[in-house]
Every structure is written in C-alpha cells, then in structure tokens.
Amino acid sequence: MMNDITGIILAGGQSSRFGSPKAFAEYEGRFFYEHAACALLPHVKDIIIVSSIHDTVRFKRGERVKIISDI
C-alpha cells in the first residue's frame, strides 16, 4: 500500500573524480538512477530527482517521477 511519502534521489554534483555523471552510469543495462527509482517506487507515492540543470533533460519522467534542478 502506498503512503504519502515522497522519495528523493539526489543526482547532482560535478562527478569530478568519477569523470561523468554517476546517475547515468550503467549497471545490468539500466542507469544507476533507474535502479534507485525502481527500489523506491513500491514504497513511496512520488519520486523527485534533483540534478544539475544541464542533466535534467536526460532523465525519464513519469506520472510518479518528477525532475527538478538544484539551481
């Protein structure tokens, strides 16, 4: 049963040591942020992904997934 909790995925940062945005690194054919969203969705009403303004267009939006900029 869903509750009124909103899950938040923090996907900002410069990724200077990693070399590219970690949210879009792939594992088993899916992006890291997709793995996080799939783990959260059964437990929350909605998900908000917070990312840099430059990367917001790269995320898949959905009825229960919203994307916002950290700027």
PDB file of N, CA and C in Angstrom:
ATOM      1  N   MET A   1       0.838  -1.188   0.000  1.00  0.00           N
ATOM      2  CA  MET A   1       0.000   0.000   0.000  1.00  0.00           C
ATOM      3  C   MET A   1       0.877   1.244   0.000  1.00  0.00           C
ATOM      4  N   MET A   2       0.585   2.176  -0.899  1.00  0.00           N
ATOM      5  CA  MET A   2       1.355   3.414  -0.969  1.00  0.00           C
ATOM      6  C   MET A   2       0.993   4.335   0.188  1.00  0.00           C
ATOM      7  N   ASN A   3       1.958   5.103   0.605  1.00  0.00           N
ATOM      8  CA  ASN A   3       1.703   6.091   1.639  1.00  0.00           C
ATOM      9  C   ASN A   3       1.962   7.472   1.059  1.00  0.00           C
ATOM     10  N   ASP A   4       2.003   8.476   1.893  1.00  0.00           N
ATOM     11  CA  ASP A   4       2.186   9.847   1.429  1.00  0.00           C
ATOM     12  C   ASP A   4       3.643  10.303   1.462  1.00  0.00           C
ATOM     13  N   ILE A   5       4.559   9.382   1.425  1.00  0.00           N
ATOM     14  CA  ILE A   5       5.982   9.721   1.456  1.00  0.00           C
ATOM     15  C   ILE A   5       6.477   9.981   0.043  1.00  0.00           C
ATOM     16  N   THR A   6       7.297  11.015  -0.109  1.00  0.00           N
ATOM     17  CA  THR A   6       7.952  11.304  -1.378  1.00  0.00           C
ATOM     18  C   THR A   6       9.401  10.868  -1.275  1.00  0.00           C
ATOM     19  N   GLY A   7       9.861  10.091  -2.235  1.00  0.00           N
ATOM     20  CA  GLY A   7      11.260   9.680  -2.287  1.00  0.00           C
ATOM     21  C   GLY A   7      12.058  10.701  -3.081  1.00  0.00           C
ATOM     22  N   ILE A   8      13.251  10.978  -2.636  1.00  0.00           N
ATOM     23  CA  ILE A   8      14.102  11.956  -3.316  1.00  0.00           C
ATOM     24  C   ILE A   8      15.418  11.293  -3.680  1.00  0.00           C
ATOM     25  N   ILE A   9      15.789  11.411  -4.952  1.00  0.00           N
ATOM     26  CA  ILE A   9      17.071  10.909  -5.437  1.00  0.00           C
ATOM     27  C   ILE A   9      17.937  12.117  -5.742  1.00  0.00           C
ATOM     28  N   LEU A  10      19.047  12.242  -5.033  1.00  0.00           N
ATOM     29  CA  LEU A  10      19.977  13.344  -5.266  1.00  0.00           C
ATOM     30  C   LEU A  10      20.975  12.916  -6.329  1.00  0.00           C
ATOM     31  N   ALA A  11      20.890  13.523  -7.489  1.00  0.00           N
ATOM     32  CA  ALA A  11      21.730  13.130  -8.613  1.00  0.00           C
ATOM     33  C   ALA A  11      22.521  14.316  -9.156  1.00  0.00           C
ATOM     34  N   GLY A  12      22.855  15.244  -8.279  1.00  0.00           N
ATOM     35  CA  GLY A  12      23.636  16.414  -8.679  1.00  0.00           C
ATOM     36  C   GLY A  12      25.112  16.163  -8.457  1.00  0.00           C
ATOM     37  N   GLY A  13      25.853  17.213  -8.395  1.00  0.00           N
ATOM     38  CA  GLY A  13      27.292  17.092  -8.173  1.00  0.00           C
ATOM     39  C   GLY A  13      28.060  17.159  -9.473  1.00  0.00           C
ATOM     40  N   GLN A  14      29.350  17.398  -9.364  1.00  0.00           N
ATOM     41  CA  GLN A  14      30.186  17.584 -10.548  1.00  0.00           C
ATOM     42  C   GLN A  14      30.799  16.292 -11.053  1.00  0.00           C
ATOM     43  N   SER A  15      30.774  15.256 -10.264  1.00  0.00           N
ATOM     44  CA  SER A  15      31.372  13.960 -10.636  1.00  0.00           C
ATOM     45  C   SER A  15      32.815  14.110 -11.093  1.00  0.00           C
ATOM     46  N   SER A  16      33.548  15.000 -10.447  1.00  0.00           N
ATOM     47  CA  SER A  16      34.922  15.273 -10.878  1.00  0.00           C
ATOM     48  C   SER A  16      35.841  14.065 -10.715  1.00  0.00           C
ATOM     49  N   ARG A  17      35.675  13.276  -9.683  1.00  0.00           N
ATOM     50  CA  ARG A  17      36.515  12.084  -9.521  1.00  0.00           C
ATOM     51  C   ARG A  17      36.027  10.933 -10.394  1.00  0.00           C
ATOM     52  N   PHE A  18      34.704  10.813 -10.567  1.00  0.00           N
ATOM     53  CA  PHE A  18      34.127   9.723 -11.352  1.00  0.00           C
ATOM     54  C   PHE A  18      34.334   9.965 -12.850  1.00  0.00           C
ATOM     55  N   GLY A  19      34.327  11.235 -13.258  1.00  0.00           N
ATOM     56  CA  GLY A  19      34.587  11.587 -14.654  1.00  0.00           C
ATOM     57  C   GLY A  19      33.348  11.824 -15.498  1.00  0.00           C
ATOM     58  N   SER A  20      32.192  11.380 -15.048  1.00  0.00           N
ATOM     59  CA  SER A  20      30.926  11.613 -15.748  1.00  0.00           C
ATOM     60  C   SER A  20      29.805  11.481 -14.722  1.00  0.00           C
ATOM     61  N   PRO A  21      28.615  11.973 -15.037  1.00  0.00           N
ATOM     62  CA  PRO A  21      27.529  11.890 -14.056  1.00  0.00           C
ATOM     63  C   PRO A  21      27.223  10.448 -13.647  1.00  0.00           C
ATOM     64  N   LYS A  22      27.332  10.163 -12.362  1.00  0.00           N
ATOM     65  CA  LYS A  22      27.116   8.789 -11.867  1.00  0.00           C
ATOM     66  C   LYS A  22      25.688   8.303 -12.106  1.00  0.00           C
ATOM     67  N   ALA A  23      24.732   9.198 -12.134  1.00  0.00           N
ATOM     68  CA  ALA A  23      23.336   8.796 -12.345  1.00  0.00           C
ATOM     69  C   ALA A  23      23.163   8.068 -13.671  1.00  0.00           C
ATOM     70  N   PHE A  24      24.035   8.366 -14.646  1.00  0.00           N
ATOM     71  CA  PHE A  24      23.908   7.774 -15.978  1.00  0.00           C
ATOM     72  C   PHE A  24      24.934   6.671 -16.247  1.00  0.00           C
ATOM     73  N   ALA A  25      25.630   6.264 -15.200  1.00  0.00           N
ATOM     74  CA  ALA A  25      26.483   5.077 -15.338  1.00  0.00           C
ATOM     75  C   ALA A  25      25.531   3.883 -15.435  1.00  0.00           C
ATOM     76  N   GLU A  26      25.922   2.877 -16.178  1.00  0.00           N
ATOM     77  CA  GLU A  26      25.035   1.730 -16.382  1.00  0.00           C
ATOM     78  C   GLU A  26      25.471   0.511 -15.580  1.00  0.00           C
ATOM     79  N   TYR A  27      24.472  -0.221 -15.117  1.00  0.00           N
ATOM     80  CA  TYR A  27      24.668  -1.483 -14.421  1.00  0.00           C
ATOM     81  C   TYR A  27      23.541  -2.405 -14.867  1.00  0.00           C
ATOM     82  N   GLU A  28      23.884  -3.541 -15.371  1.00  0.00           N
ATOM     83  CA  GLU A  28      22.919  -4.522 -15.860  1.00  0.00           C
ATOM     84  C   GLU A  28      21.906  -3.914 -16.828  1.00  0.00           C
ATOM     85  N   GLY A  29      22.404  -3.048 -17.720  1.00  0.00           N
ATOM     86  CA  GLY A  29      21.570  -2.497 -18.783  1.00  0.00           C
ATOM     87  C   GLY A  29      20.675  -1.329 -18.413  1.00  0.00           C
ATOM     88  N   ARG A  30      20.784  -0.848 -17.173  1.00  0.00           N
ATOM     89  CA  ARG A  30      19.985   0.300 -16.749  1.00  0.00           C
ATOM     90  C   ARG A  30      20.875   1.322 -16.068  1.00  0.00           C
ATOM     91  N   PHE A  31      20.442   2.581 -16.125  1.00  0.00           N
ATOM     92  CA  PHE A  31      21.180   3.644 -15.445  1.00  0.00           C
ATOM     93  C   PHE A  31      21.048   3.499 -13.931  1.00  0.00           C
ATOM     94  N   PHE A  32      22.062   3.991 -13.207  1.00  0.00           N
ATOM     95  CA  PHE A  32      22.030   3.928 -11.743  1.00  0.00           C
ATOM     96  C   PHE A  32      20.761   4.561 -11.170  1.00  0.00           C
ATOM     97  N   TYR A  33      20.366   5.726 -11.700  1.00  0.00           N
ATOM     98  CA  TYR A  33      19.184   6.391 -11.151  1.00  0.00           C
ATOM     99  C   TYR A  33      17.929   5.548 -11.367  1.00  0.00           C
ATOM    100  N   GLU A  34      17.882   4.761 -12.447  1.00  0.00           N
ATOM    101  CA  GLU A  34      16.733   3.892 -12.690  1.00  0.00           C
ATOM    102  C   GLU A  34      16.660   2.781 -11.646  1.00  0.00           C
ATOM    103  N   HIS A  35      17.820   2.253 -11.270  1.00  0.00           N
ATOM    104  CA  HIS A  35      17.854   1.242 -10.202  1.00  0.00           C
ATOM    105  C   HIS A  35      17.325   1.838  -8.893  1.00  0.00           C
ATOM    106  N   ALA A  36      17.752   3.068  -8.586  1.00  0.00           N
ATOM    107  CA  ALA A  36      17.304   3.725  -7.355  1.00  0.00           C
ATOM    108  C   ALA A  36      15.797   3.980  -7.396  1.00  0.00           C
ATOM    109  N   ALA A  37      15.291   4.451  -8.524  1.00  0.00           N
ATOM    110  CA  ALA A  37      13.867   4.738  -8.660  1.00  0.00           C
ATOM    111  C   ALA A  37      13.035   3.463  -8.538  1.00  0.00           C
ATOM    112  N   CYS A  38      13.480   2.383  -9.152  1.00  0.00           N
ATOM    113  CA  CYS A  38      12.750   1.111  -9.068  1.00  0.00           C
ATOM    114  C   CYS A  38      12.705   0.583  -7.640  1.00  0.00           C
ATOM    115  N   ALA A  39      13.774   0.820  -6.885  1.00  0.00           N
ATOM    116  CA  ALA A  39      13.798   0.377  -5.488  1.00  0.00           C
ATOM    117  C   ALA A  39      12.844   1.216  -4.627  1.00  0.00           C
ATOM    118  N   LEU A  40      12.709   2.496  -4.943  1.00  0.00           N
ATOM    119  CA  LEU A  40      11.863   3.386  -4.149  1.00  0.00           C
ATOM    120  C   LEU A  40      10.381   3.299  -4.483  1.00  0.00           C
ATOM    121  N   LEU A  41      10.048   3.144  -5.756  1.00  0.00           N
ATOM    122  CA  LEU A  41       8.659   3.250  -6.199  1.00  0.00           C
ATOM    123  C   LEU A  41       7.637   2.409  -5.421  1.00  0.00           C
ATOM    124  N   PRO A  42       7.959   1.182  -5.024  1.00  0.00           N
ATOM    125  CA  PRO A  42       6.959   0.422  -4.266  1.00  0.00           C
ATOM    126  C   PRO A  42       6.664   0.983  -2.873  1.00  0.00           C
ATOM    127  N   HIS A  43       7.507   1.904  -2.406  1.00  0.00           N
ATOM    128  CA  HIS A  43       7.412   2.370  -1.025  1.00  0.00           C
ATOM    129  C   HIS A  43       6.997   3.826  -0.879  1.00  0.00           C
ATOM    130  N   VAL A  44       6.915   4.553  -1.986  1.00  0.00           N
ATOM    131  CA  VAL A  44       6.628   5.983  -1.922  1.00  0.00           C
ATOM    132  C   VAL A  44       5.506   6.348  -2.888  1.00  0.00           C
ATOM    133  N   LYS A  45       4.916   7.494  -2.641  1.00  0.00           N
ATOM    134  CA  LYS A  45       3.850   7.985  -3.517  1.00  0.00           C
ATOM    135  C   LYS A  45       4.436   8.557  -4.804  1.00  0.00           C
ATOM    136  N   ASP A  46       5.483   9.363  -4.671  1.00  0.00           N
ATOM    137  CA  ASP A  46       6.142  10.021  -5.798  1.00  0.00           C
ATOM    138  C   ASP A  46       7.644  10.018  -5.585  1.00  0.00           C
ATOM    139  N   ILE A  47       8.366  10.268  -6.668  1.00  0.00           N
ATOM    140  CA  ILE A  47       9.821  10.420  -6.596  1.00  0.00           C
ATOM    141  C   ILE A  47      10.194  11.754  -7.234  1.00  0.00           C
ATOM    142  N   ILE A  48      11.093  12.456  -6.574  1.00  0.00           N
ATOM    143  CA  ILE A  48      11.677  13.666  -7.130  1.00  0.00           C
ATOM    144  C   ILE A  48      13.158  13.385  -7.339  1.00  0.00           C
ATOM    145  N   ILE A  49      13.627  13.616  -8.552  1.00  0.00           N
ATOM    146  CA  ILE A  49      15.057  13.502  -8.852  1.00  0.00           C
ATOM    147  C   ILE A  49      15.608  14.917  -8.939  1.00  0.00           C
ATOM    148  N   VAL A  50      16.633  15.200  -8.136  1.00  0.00           N
ATOM    149  CA  VAL A  50      17.261  16.511  -8.106  1.00  0.00           C
ATOM    150  C   VAL A  50      18.595  16.393  -8.817  1.00  0.00           C
ATOM    151  N   SER A  51      18.794  17.219  -9.844  1.00  0.00           N
ATOM    152  CA  SER A  51      20.006  17.127 -10.649  1.00  0.00           C
ATOM    153  C   SER A  51      20.429  18.517 -11.127  1.00  0.00           C
ATOM    154  N   SER A  52      21.586  18.587 -11.735  1.00  0.00           N
ATOM    155  CA  SER A  52      22.035  19.860 -12.296  1.00  0.00           C
ATOM    156  C   SER A  52      21.126  20.240 -13.457  1.00  0.00           C
ATOM    157  N   ILE A  53      21.022  21.513 -13.713  1.00  0.00           N
ATOM    158  CA  ILE A  53      20.141  21.995 -14.775  1.00  0.00           C
ATOM    159  C   ILE A  53      20.522  21.412 -16.135  1.00  0.00           C
ATOM    160  N   HIS A  54      21.800  21.105 -16.325  1.00  0.00           N
ATOM    161  CA  HIS A  54      22.267  20.566 -17.612  1.00  0.00           C
ATOM    162  C   HIS A  54      21.854  19.116 -17.820  1.00  0.00           C
ATOM    163  N   ASP A  55      21.671  18.377 -16.752  1.00  0.00           N
ATOM    164  CA  ASP A  55      21.347  16.952 -16.863  1.00  0.00           C
ATOM    165  C   ASP A  55      19.855  16.640 -16.744  1.00  0.00           C
ATOM    166  N   THR A  56      19.038  17.605 -16.367  1.00  0.00           N
ATOM    167  CA  THR A  56      17.622  17.311 -16.131  1.00  0.00           C
ATOM    168  C   THR A  56      16.923  16.732 -17.360  1.00  0.00           C
ATOM    169  N   VAL A  57      17.342  17.122 -18.543  1.00  0.00           N
ATOM    170  CA  VAL A  57      16.684  16.637 -19.765  1.00  0.00           C
ATOM    171  C   VAL A  57      17.007  15.171 -20.056  1.00  0.00           C
ATOM    172  N   ARG A  58      18.004  14.626 -19.398  1.00  0.00           N
ATOM    173  CA  ARG A  58      18.416  13.243 -19.661  1.00  0.00           C
ATOM    174  C   ARG A  58      17.613  12.198 -18.882  1.00  0.00           C
ATOM    175  N   PHE A  59      16.885  12.618 -17.875  1.00  0.00           N
ATOM    176  CA  PHE A  59      16.122  11.685 -17.042  1.00  0.00           C
ATOM    177  C   PHE A  59      14.777  11.375 -17.678  1.00  0.00           C
ATOM    178  N   LYS A  60      14.295  10.160 -17.464  1.00  0.00           N
ATOM    179  CA  LYS A  60      12.959   9.767 -17.909  1.00  0.00           C
ATOM    180  C   LYS A  60      11.942  10.235 -16.871  1.00  0.00           C
ATOM    181  N   ARG A  61      11.005  11.019 -17.324  1.00  0.00           N
ATOM    182  CA  ARG A  61       9.930  11.473 -16.445  1.00  0.00           C
ATOM    183  C   ARG A  61       8.785  10.464 -16.484  1.00  0.00           C
ATOM    184  N   GLY A  62       7.948  10.538 -15.495  1.00  0.00           N
ATOM    185  CA  GLY A  62       6.798   9.655 -15.443  1.00  0.00           C
ATOM    186  C   GLY A  62       5.712  10.267 -14.591  1.00  0.00           C
ATOM    187  N   GLU A  63       4.602   9.566 -14.511  1.00  0.00           N
ATOM    188  CA  GLU A  63       3.478  10.067 -13.725  1.00  0.00           C
ATOM    189  C   GLU A  63       3.876  10.269 -12.269  1.00  0.00           C
ATOM    190  N   ARG A  64       4.734   9.386 -11.772  1.00  0.00           N
ATOM    191  CA  ARG A  64       5.141   9.457 -10.363  1.00  0.00           C
ATOM    192  C   ARG A  64       6.580   9.930 -10.191  1.00  0.00           C
ATOM    193  N   VAL A  65       7.247  10.300 -11.294  1.00  0.00           N
ATOM    194  CA  VAL A  65       8.650  10.734 -11.226  1.00  0.00           C
ATOM    195  C   VAL A  65       8.769  12.141 -11.783  1.00  0.00           C
ATOM    196  N   LYS A  66       9.210  13.060 -10.933  1.00  0.00           N
ATOM    197  CA  LYS A  66       9.403  14.457 -11.318  1.00  0.00           C
ATOM    198  C   LYS A  66      10.892  14.774 -11.264  1.00  0.00           C
ATOM    199  N   ILE A  67      11.335  15.686 -12.123  1.00  0.00           N
ATOM    200  CA  ILE A  67      12.743  16.077 -12.181  1.00  0.00           C
ATOM    201  C   ILE A  67      12.820  17.563 -11.881  1.00  0.00           C
ATOM    202  N   ILE A  68      13.725  17.951 -10.965  1.00  0.00           N
ATOM    203  CA  ILE A  68      13.939  19.366 -10.693  1.00  0.00           C
ATOM    204  C   ILE A  68      15.437  19.658 -10.707  1.00  0.00           C
ATOM    205  N   SER A  69      15.744  20.934 -10.931  1.00  0.00           N
ATOM    206  CA  SER A  69      17.126  21.390 -10.968  1.00  0.00           C
ATOM    207  C   SER A  69      17.580  21.824  -9.582  1.00  0.00           C
ATOM    208  N   ASP A  70      18.865  21.607  -9.298  1.00  0.00           N
ATOM    209  CA  ASP A  70      19.406  22.012  -7.999  1.00  0.00           C
ATOM    210  C   ASP A  70      19.883  23.458  -8.005  1.00  0.00           C
ATOM    211  N   ILE A  71      19.592  24.188  -9.064  1.00  0.00           N
ATOM    212  CA  ILE A  71      19.994  25.610  -9.117  1.00  0.00           C
ATOM    213  C   ILE A  71      18.767  26.483  -9.028  1.00  0.00           C
TER     214      ILE A  71
END
